[in-house]
Amino acid sequence: MTRTARDDIWSTIIKRLVDEGEFKISDLDIPESRRHTVRRVCREMEKMGYLERDNEQSKTWRAGEKAELHLNLSMRAQVNAGLDDPVSN
């Protein structure tokens, strides 16, 4: 199976969420030529519940409900994602 740019972007975002819990697109190690695709992937992940942000203009993306449920977020990522009690999660 051939990996696409979208696959690589999903993977990069998931890894960042697990480690950090939040990111800005400019933080990702993805070429400038792929930034439009990154924004589309982020919006799709937001619709699916994997990402969230404060508002549509916010540049900071955080782990959404599905990411919190399905990913093994580090303690740092849990704090950055704003979980109320990261120790019990």
N, C-alpha and C. Protein backbone atom coordinates (compact mmCIF):
# COMPACT_ATOMS: atom_id res chain seq x y z
N MET A 1 0.84 -1.18 0.00
CA MET A 1 0.00 0.00 0.00
C MET A 1 0.89 1.25 0.00
N THR A 2 0.60 2.16 -0.88
CA THR A 2 1.37 3.38 -1.01
C THR A 2 0.90 4.43 -0.03
N ARG A 3 1.85 5.03 0.68
CA ARG A 3 1.52 6.11 1.62
C ARG A 3 1.38 7.41 0.85
N THR A 4 0.41 8.20 1.25
CA THR A 4 0.19 9.50 0.63
C THR A 4 0.70 10.60 1.55
N ALA A 5 0.73 11.82 1.03
CA ALA A 5 1.12 12.97 1.84
C ALA A 5 0.17 13.10 3.03
N ARG A 6 -1.12 12.87 2.80
CA ARG A 6 -2.11 12.94 3.89
C ARG A 6 -1.79 11.91 4.97
N ASP A 7 -1.39 10.71 4.58
CA ASP A 7 -1.01 9.68 5.56
C ASP A 7 0.15 10.17 6.42
N ASP A 8 1.16 10.72 5.78
CA ASP A 8 2.33 11.21 6.51
C ASP A 8 1.96 12.35 7.46
N ILE A 9 1.06 13.22 7.02
CA ILE A 9 0.62 14.34 7.85
C ILE A 9 -0.16 13.83 9.06
N TRP A 10 -1.09 12.90 8.84
CA TRP A 10 -1.84 12.29 9.95
C TRP A 10 -0.85 11.73 10.97
N SER A 11 0.12 10.97 10.49
CA SER A 11 1.10 10.34 11.37
C SER A 11 1.89 11.38 12.17
N THR A 12 2.35 12.42 11.50
CA THR A 12 3.09 13.49 12.16
C THR A 12 2.25 14.16 13.24
N ILE A 13 0.98 14.43 12.93
CA ILE A 13 0.09 15.08 13.89
C ILE A 13 -0.17 14.17 15.08
N ILE A 14 -0.45 12.90 14.84
CA ILE A 14 -0.71 11.96 15.93
C ILE A 14 0.51 11.87 16.86
N LYS A 15 1.70 11.77 16.28
CA LYS A 15 2.92 11.71 17.10
C LYS A 15 3.07 12.97 17.95
N ARG A 16 2.78 14.12 17.36
CA ARG A 16 2.89 15.39 18.11
C ARG A 16 1.87 15.43 19.24
N LEU A 17 0.65 14.96 18.97
CA LEU A 17 -0.37 14.93 20.02
C LEU A 17 0.04 14.04 21.18
N VAL A 18 0.58 12.87 20.87
CA VAL A 18 1.00 11.94 21.93
C VAL A 18 2.10 12.57 22.78
N ASP A 19 3.05 13.24 22.15
CA ASP A 19 4.18 13.82 22.87
C ASP A 19 3.86 15.14 23.56
N GLU A 20 3.14 16.01 22.86
CA GLU A 20 2.96 17.38 23.33
C GLU A 20 1.52 17.75 23.69
N GLY A 21 0.55 17.13 23.04
CA GLY A 21 -0.85 17.44 23.30
C GLY A 21 -1.38 18.62 22.52
N GLU A 22 -0.49 19.41 21.95
CA GLU A 22 -0.91 20.57 21.15
C GLU A 22 0.21 20.95 20.20
N PHE A 23 -0.13 21.74 19.19
CA PHE A 23 0.88 22.17 18.22
C PHE A 23 0.33 23.32 17.39
N LYS A 24 1.23 23.99 16.73
CA LYS A 24 0.90 24.95 15.68
C LYS A 24 1.42 24.33 14.39
N ILE A 25 0.77 24.60 13.30
CA ILE A 25 1.20 24.01 12.02
C ILE A 25 2.66 24.34 11.74
N SER A 26 3.09 25.53 12.12
CA SER A 26 4.48 25.91 11.89
C SER A 26 5.46 25.08 12.73
N ASP A 27 4.97 24.41 13.78
CA ASP A 27 5.82 23.54 14.62
C ASP A 27 6.14 22.21 13.94
N LEU A 28 5.30 21.81 13.00
CA LEU A 28 5.43 20.49 12.38
C LEU A 28 6.56 20.47 11.35
N ASP A 29 7.25 19.35 11.30
CA ASP A 29 8.35 19.19 10.35
C ASP A 29 7.78 18.72 9.00
N ILE A 30 7.09 19.65 8.37
CA ILE A 30 6.43 19.37 7.08
C ILE A 30 6.78 20.53 6.14
N PRO A 31 7.16 20.21 4.91
CA PRO A 31 7.55 21.27 3.97
C PRO A 31 6.45 22.32 3.76
N GLU A 32 6.89 23.53 3.54
CA GLU A 32 5.97 24.65 3.30
C GLU A 32 5.00 24.32 2.16
N SER A 33 5.46 23.59 1.16
CA SER A 33 4.63 23.25 0.01
C SER A 33 3.44 22.36 0.38
N ARG A 34 3.48 21.75 1.56
CA ARG A 34 2.40 20.86 2.02
C ARG A 34 1.49 21.53 3.06
N ARG A 35 1.71 22.80 3.36
CA ARG A 35 0.94 23.47 4.43
C ARG A 35 -0.56 23.50 4.15
N HIS A 36 -0.94 23.67 2.90
CA HIS A 36 -2.38 23.68 2.57
C HIS A 36 -2.99 22.32 2.91
N THR A 37 -2.29 21.25 2.57
CA THR A 37 -2.77 19.90 2.89
C THR A 37 -2.82 19.70 4.40
N VAL A 38 -1.83 20.23 5.12
CA VAL A 38 -1.83 20.13 6.58
C VAL A 38 -3.08 20.79 7.15
N ARG A 39 -3.40 21.98 6.68
CA ARG A 39 -4.60 22.69 7.18
C ARG A 39 -5.87 21.89 6.89
N ARG A 40 -5.95 21.29 5.70
CA ARG A 40 -7.13 20.46 5.37
C ARG A 40 -7.22 19.25 6.28
N VAL A 41 -6.09 18.59 6.52
CA VAL A 41 -6.07 17.42 7.40
C VAL A 41 -6.48 17.83 8.81
N CYS A 42 -5.96 18.94 9.30
CA CYS A 42 -6.32 19.42 10.64
C CYS A 42 -7.81 19.69 10.75
N ARG A 43 -8.38 20.32 9.76
CA ARG A 43 -9.82 20.60 9.79
C ARG A 43 -10.63 19.31 9.77
N GLU A 44 -10.18 18.33 9.00
CA GLU A 44 -10.87 17.04 8.96
C GLU A 44 -10.74 16.31 10.30
N MET A 45 -9.56 16.35 10.89
CA MET A 45 -9.35 15.73 12.20
C MET A 45 -10.19 16.44 13.27
N GLU A 46 -10.38 17.74 13.10
CA GLU A 46 -11.23 18.50 14.02
C GLU A 46 -12.69 18.03 13.91
N LYS A 47 -13.17 17.87 12.69
CA LYS A 47 -14.54 17.39 12.48
C LYS A 47 -14.74 16.00 13.08
N MET A 48 -13.68 15.18 13.04
CA MET A 48 -13.76 13.81 13.55
C MET A 48 -13.56 13.73 15.07
N GLY A 49 -13.15 14.84 15.69
CA GLY A 49 -12.97 14.86 17.14
C GLY A 49 -11.56 14.57 17.63
N TYR A 50 -10.60 14.43 16.71
CA TYR A 50 -9.22 14.17 17.12
C TYR A 50 -8.48 15.45 17.50
N LEU A 51 -8.89 16.57 16.94
CA LEU A 51 -8.29 17.87 17.24
C LEU A 51 -9.36 18.85 17.67
N GLU A 52 -8.94 19.86 18.42
CA GLU A 52 -9.83 20.97 18.74
C GLU A 52 -8.99 22.23 18.86
N ARG A 53 -9.66 23.35 18.79
CA ARG A 53 -9.01 24.65 18.97
C ARG A 53 -10.03 25.61 19.54
N ASP A 54 -9.56 26.72 20.07
CA ASP A 54 -10.46 27.66 20.74
C ASP A 54 -11.47 28.29 19.80
N ASN A 55 -11.04 28.61 18.59
CA ASN A 55 -11.93 29.19 17.58
C ASN A 55 -11.31 28.95 16.22
N GLU A 56 -12.04 29.30 15.17
CA GLU A 56 -11.56 29.02 13.82
C GLU A 56 -10.29 29.77 13.44
N GLN A 57 -10.00 30.87 14.12
CA GLN A 57 -8.79 31.63 13.82
C GLN A 57 -7.59 31.19 14.65
N SER A 58 -7.82 30.37 15.66
CA SER A 58 -6.73 29.93 16.53
C SER A 58 -5.70 29.11 15.76
N LYS A 59 -4.43 29.38 16.03
CA LYS A 59 -3.35 28.65 15.36
C LYS A 59 -2.89 27.45 16.18
N THR A 60 -3.36 27.34 17.42
CA THR A 60 -2.97 26.24 18.29
C THR A 60 -4.02 25.14 18.24
N TRP A 61 -3.60 23.97 17.85
CA TRP A 61 -4.45 22.79 17.79
C TRP A 61 -4.12 21.92 19.00
N ARG A 62 -5.15 21.37 19.66
CA ARG A 62 -4.97 20.50 20.82
C ARG A 62 -5.64 19.16 20.59
N ALA A 63 -5.24 18.19 21.40
CA ALA A 63 -5.88 16.87 21.35
C ALA A 63 -7.36 17.03 21.65
N GLY A 64 -8.19 16.48 20.79
CA GLY A 64 -9.62 16.49 20.99
C GLY A 64 -10.07 15.27 21.77
N GLU A 65 -11.38 15.14 21.93
CA GLU A 65 -11.95 14.06 22.74
C GLU A 65 -11.53 12.67 22.25
N LYS A 66 -11.57 12.45 20.93
CA LYS A 66 -11.18 11.13 20.40
C LYS A 66 -9.71 10.85 20.64
N ALA A 67 -8.86 11.85 20.50
CA ALA A 67 -7.43 11.65 20.75
C ALA A 67 -7.21 11.29 22.21
N GLU A 68 -7.90 11.98 23.10
CA GLU A 68 -7.77 11.68 24.53
C GLU A 68 -8.24 10.27 24.83
N LEU A 69 -9.27 9.83 24.14
CA LEU A 69 -9.83 8.49 24.36
C LEU A 69 -8.95 7.38 23.80
N HIS A 70 -8.41 7.58 22.61
CA HIS A 70 -7.76 6.50 21.88
C HIS A 70 -6.24 6.52 21.87
N LEU A 71 -5.64 7.63 22.25
CA LEU A 71 -4.18 7.72 22.21
C LEU A 71 -3.61 7.70 23.62
N ASN A 72 -2.44 7.15 23.76
CA ASN A 72 -1.76 7.12 25.04
C ASN A 72 -0.96 8.42 25.18
N LEU A 73 -1.65 9.49 25.59
CA LEU A 73 -1.02 10.79 25.68
C LEU A 73 -0.04 10.83 26.85
N SER A 74 1.12 11.44 26.65
CA SER A 74 2.08 11.61 27.74
C SER A 74 1.49 12.56 28.77
N MET A 75 2.06 12.58 29.97
CA MET A 75 1.59 13.50 31.01
C MET A 75 1.66 14.94 30.51
N ARG A 76 2.76 15.28 29.85
CA ARG A 76 2.91 16.64 29.31
C ARG A 76 1.79 16.95 28.32
N ALA A 77 1.49 15.99 27.46
CA ALA A 77 0.43 16.17 26.46
C ALA A 77 -0.91 16.34 27.15
N GLN A 78 -1.17 15.59 28.21
CA GLN A 78 -2.43 15.69 28.92
C GLN A 78 -2.59 17.08 29.55
N VAL A 79 -1.52 17.58 30.14
CA VAL A 79 -1.57 18.91 30.74
C VAL A 79 -1.78 19.96 29.65
N ASN A 80 -1.03 19.86 28.54
CA ASN A 80 -1.17 20.82 27.44
C ASN A 80 -2.54 20.77 26.80
N ALA A 81 -3.15 19.58 26.77
CA ALA A 81 -4.49 19.44 26.19
C ALA A 81 -5.57 19.97 27.13
N GLY A 82 -5.17 20.29 28.36
CA GLY A 82 -6.12 20.88 29.29
C GLY A 82 -6.99 19.88 30.03
N LEU A 83 -6.53 18.65 30.18
CA LEU A 83 -7.30 17.67 30.92
C LEU A 83 -7.35 18.09 32.38
N ASP A 84 -8.52 17.95 33.01
CA ASP A 84 -8.71 18.39 34.38
C ASP A 84 -7.78 17.70 35.36
N ASP A 85 -7.69 16.38 35.28
CA ASP A 85 -6.88 15.61 36.22
C ASP A 85 -6.10 14.57 35.43
N PRO A 86 -4.94 14.96 34.84
CA PRO A 86 -4.20 14.05 33.97
C PRO A 86 -3.75 12.78 34.66
N VAL A 87 -3.57 12.80 35.96
CA VAL A 87 -3.10 11.61 36.67
C VAL A 87 -4.14 10.49 36.63
N SER A 88 -5.41 10.85 36.74
CA SER A 88 -6.46 9.83 36.77
C SER A 88 -6.89 9.35 35.41
N ASN A 89 -6.42 10.01 34.34
CA ASN A 89 -6.83 9.62 32.98
C ASN A 89 -5.96 8.58 32.43
